[in-house]
Amino acid sequence: MAGPVQKEMERLLQDAFSPTRLEVINDSASHAGHSGDDGSGESHFTVVIEAAAFADMNRIERQRAVNQALGDIPGQRVHALAIKASEPAA
């Protein structure tokens, strides 16, 4: 079941990019007891997102766009965020 941070991330990314594919995967259980685990169960995530908005962006620009859309979540409210951003296949 998705927690509040995961739901917020999904909403923000949906609003910002209208993606054709979006998965926000909570990886926190795999990092329990490791550095950055704050005990919330929402400290580590992977985002898989596919959106037309990424068509003219390189990998770094896509990651920056996702981070910007998520506001204060990456680095402040979430310890680690892996981003796999792509454009839809033609």
C-alpha atoms as a PDB file:
ATOM      1  CA  MET A   1       0.000   0.000   0.000  1.00  0.00           C
ATOM      2  CA  ALA A   2       1.362   3.403  -0.986  1.00  0.00           C
ATOM      3  CA  GLY A   3       2.265   5.787   1.800  1.00  0.00           C
ATOM      4  CA  PRO A   4       1.682   9.551   1.815  1.00  0.00           C
ATOM      5  CA  VAL A   5       5.058  10.484   0.296  1.00  0.00           C
ATOM      6  CA  GLN A   6       4.675   7.953  -2.510  1.00  0.00           C
ATOM      7  CA  LYS A   7       1.153   9.206  -3.267  1.00  0.00           C
ATOM      8  CA  GLU A   8       2.377  12.809  -3.307  1.00  0.00           C
ATOM      9  CA  MET A   9       5.205  11.895  -5.682  1.00  0.00           C
ATOM     10  CA  GLU A  10       2.762  10.141  -8.013  1.00  0.00           C
ATOM     11  CA  ARG A  11       0.418  13.153  -8.018  1.00  0.00           C
ATOM     12  CA  LEU A  12       3.197  15.697  -8.617  1.00  0.00           C
ATOM     13  CA  LEU A  13       4.681  13.704 -11.496  1.00  0.00           C
ATOM     14  CA  GLN A  14       1.278  13.063 -13.045  1.00  0.00           C
ATOM     15  CA  ASP A  15       0.448  16.776 -12.880  1.00  0.00           C
ATOM     16  CA  ALA A  16       3.834  17.891 -14.241  1.00  0.00           C
ATOM     17  CA  PHE A  17       4.275  15.438 -17.113  1.00  0.00           C
ATOM     18  CA  SER A  18       0.990  13.604 -17.922  1.00  0.00           C
ATOM     19  CA  PRO A  19       3.098  10.477 -18.398  1.00  0.00           C
ATOM     20  CA  THR A  20       2.186   7.521 -20.565  1.00  0.00           C
ATOM     21  CA  ARG A  21       3.867   5.325 -17.937  1.00  0.00           C
ATOM     22  CA  LEU A  22       4.526   6.067 -14.285  1.00  0.00           C
ATOM     23  CA  GLU A  23       5.776   3.774 -11.543  1.00  0.00           C
ATOM     24  CA  VAL A  24       6.872   5.080  -8.168  1.00  0.00           C
ATOM     25  CA  ILE A  25       8.474   2.096  -6.467  1.00  0.00           C
ATOM     26  CA  ASN A  26       9.175   2.142  -2.737  1.00  0.00           C
ATOM     27  CA  ASP A  27      12.592   0.505  -2.227  1.00  0.00           C
ATOM     28  CA  SER A  28      12.807   1.431   1.465  1.00  0.00           C
ATOM     29  CA  ALA A  29      12.437  -2.113   2.814  1.00  0.00           C
ATOM     30  CA  SER A  30      15.634  -3.098   0.991  1.00  0.00           C
ATOM     31  CA  HIS A  31      17.506  -0.358   2.854  1.00  0.00           C
ATOM     32  CA  ALA A  32      16.165  -0.885   6.376  1.00  0.00           C
ATOM     33  CA  GLY A  33      18.901  -0.180   8.905  1.00  0.00           C
ATOM     34  CA  HIS A  34      21.183   1.389   6.296  1.00  0.00           C
ATOM     35  CA  SER A  35      22.344   4.978   6.101  1.00  0.00           C
ATOM     36  CA  GLY A  36      19.454   7.275   5.261  1.00  0.00           C
ATOM     37  CA  ASP A  37      16.762   4.956   6.624  1.00  0.00           C
ATOM     38  CA  ASP A  38      14.700   7.243   8.841  1.00  0.00           C
ATOM     39  CA  GLY A  39      12.291   4.525   9.942  1.00  0.00           C
ATOM     40  CA  SER A  40       9.375   6.046   8.030  1.00  0.00           C
ATOM     41  CA  GLY A  41       9.282   3.284   5.444  1.00  0.00           C
ATOM     42  CA  GLU A  42       9.483   5.983   2.759  1.00  0.00           C
ATOM     43  CA  SER A  43      13.172   6.835   2.456  1.00  0.00           C
ATOM     44  CA  HIS A  44      14.246   5.196  -0.833  1.00  0.00           C
ATOM     45  CA  PHE A  45      12.358   5.214  -4.161  1.00  0.00           C
ATOM     46  CA  THR A  46      12.751   4.433  -7.843  1.00  0.00           C
ATOM     47  CA  VAL A  47      10.746   6.446 -10.369  1.00  0.00           C
ATOM     48  CA  VAL A  48      10.111   4.961 -13.804  1.00  0.00           C
ATOM     49  CA  ILE A  49       8.467   7.588 -15.985  1.00  0.00           C
ATOM     50  CA  GLU A  50       7.766   7.859 -19.684  1.00  0.00           C
ATOM     51  CA  ALA A  51       6.458  11.150 -21.057  1.00  0.00           C
ATOM     52  CA  ALA A  52       6.429  13.115 -24.293  1.00  0.00           C
ATOM     53  CA  ALA A  53       7.869  16.080 -22.366  1.00  0.00           C
ATOM     54  CA  PHE A  54      11.234  14.264 -22.264  1.00  0.00           C
ATOM     55  CA  ALA A  55      11.554  14.032 -26.078  1.00  0.00           C
ATOM     56  CA  ASP A  56      14.080  16.849 -26.490  1.00  0.00           C
ATOM     57  CA  MET A  57      15.944  16.317 -23.203  1.00  0.00           C
ATOM     58  CA  ASN A  58      19.093  14.374 -22.458  1.00  0.00           C
ATOM     59  CA  ARG A  59      19.329  12.070 -19.425  1.00  0.00           C
ATOM     60  CA  ILE A  60      20.579  14.785 -17.060  1.00  0.00           C
ATOM     61  CA  GLU A  61      17.875  17.258 -18.148  1.00  0.00           C
ATOM     62  CA  ARG A  62      15.219  14.595 -17.586  1.00  0.00           C
ATOM     63  CA  GLN A  63      16.490  13.865 -14.094  1.00  0.00           C
ATOM     64  CA  ARG A  64      16.592  17.563 -13.265  1.00  0.00           C
ATOM     65  CA  ALA A  65      13.026  18.019 -14.540  1.00  0.00           C
ATOM     66  CA  VAL A  66      11.776  15.145 -12.364  1.00  0.00           C
ATOM     67  CA  ASN A  67      13.632  16.465  -9.312  1.00  0.00           C
ATOM     68  CA  GLN A  68      12.245  19.953  -9.910  1.00  0.00           C
ATOM     69  CA  ALA A  69       8.687  18.609 -10.212  1.00  0.00           C
ATOM     70  CA  LEU A  70       9.113  16.812  -6.874  1.00  0.00           C
ATOM     71  CA  GLY A  71      10.123  20.007  -5.041  1.00  0.00           C
ATOM     72  CA  ASP A  72      11.523  19.386  -1.558  1.00  0.00           C
ATOM     73  CA  ILE A  73      10.988  15.613  -1.633  1.00  0.00           C
ATOM     74  CA  PRO A  74      14.360  14.498  -3.088  1.00  0.00           C
ATOM     75  CA  GLY A  75      17.207  15.010  -0.647  1.00  0.00           C
ATOM     76  CA  GLN A  76      15.066  16.460   2.125  1.00  0.00           C
ATOM     77  CA  ARG A  77      12.101  14.166   2.676  1.00  0.00           C
ATOM     78  CA  VAL A  78      13.461  11.167   0.739  1.00  0.00           C
ATOM     79  CA  HIS A  79      17.052  10.001   1.185  1.00  0.00           C
ATOM     80  CA  ALA A  80      17.546   8.312  -2.195  1.00  0.00           C
ATOM     81  CA  LEU A  81      15.761   8.574  -5.523  1.00  0.00           C
ATOM     82  CA  ALA A  82      16.652   6.596  -8.648  1.00  0.00           C
ATOM     83  CA  ILE A  83      15.129   8.050 -11.822  1.00  0.00           C
ATOM     84  CA  LYS A  84      14.530   6.201 -15.086  1.00  0.00           C
ATOM     85  CA  ALA A  85      12.989   8.802 -17.398  1.00  0.00           C
ATOM     86  CA  SER A  86      12.323   8.253 -21.079  1.00  0.00           C
ATOM     87  CA  GLU A  87      10.164   9.412 -23.944  1.00  0.00           C
ATOM     88  CA  PRO A  88       7.463   7.145 -25.398  1.00  0.00           C
ATOM     89  CA  ALA A  89       8.622   4.785 -28.106  1.00  0.00           C
ATOM     90  CA  ALA A  90       7.727   5.943 -31.613  1.00  0.00           C
END
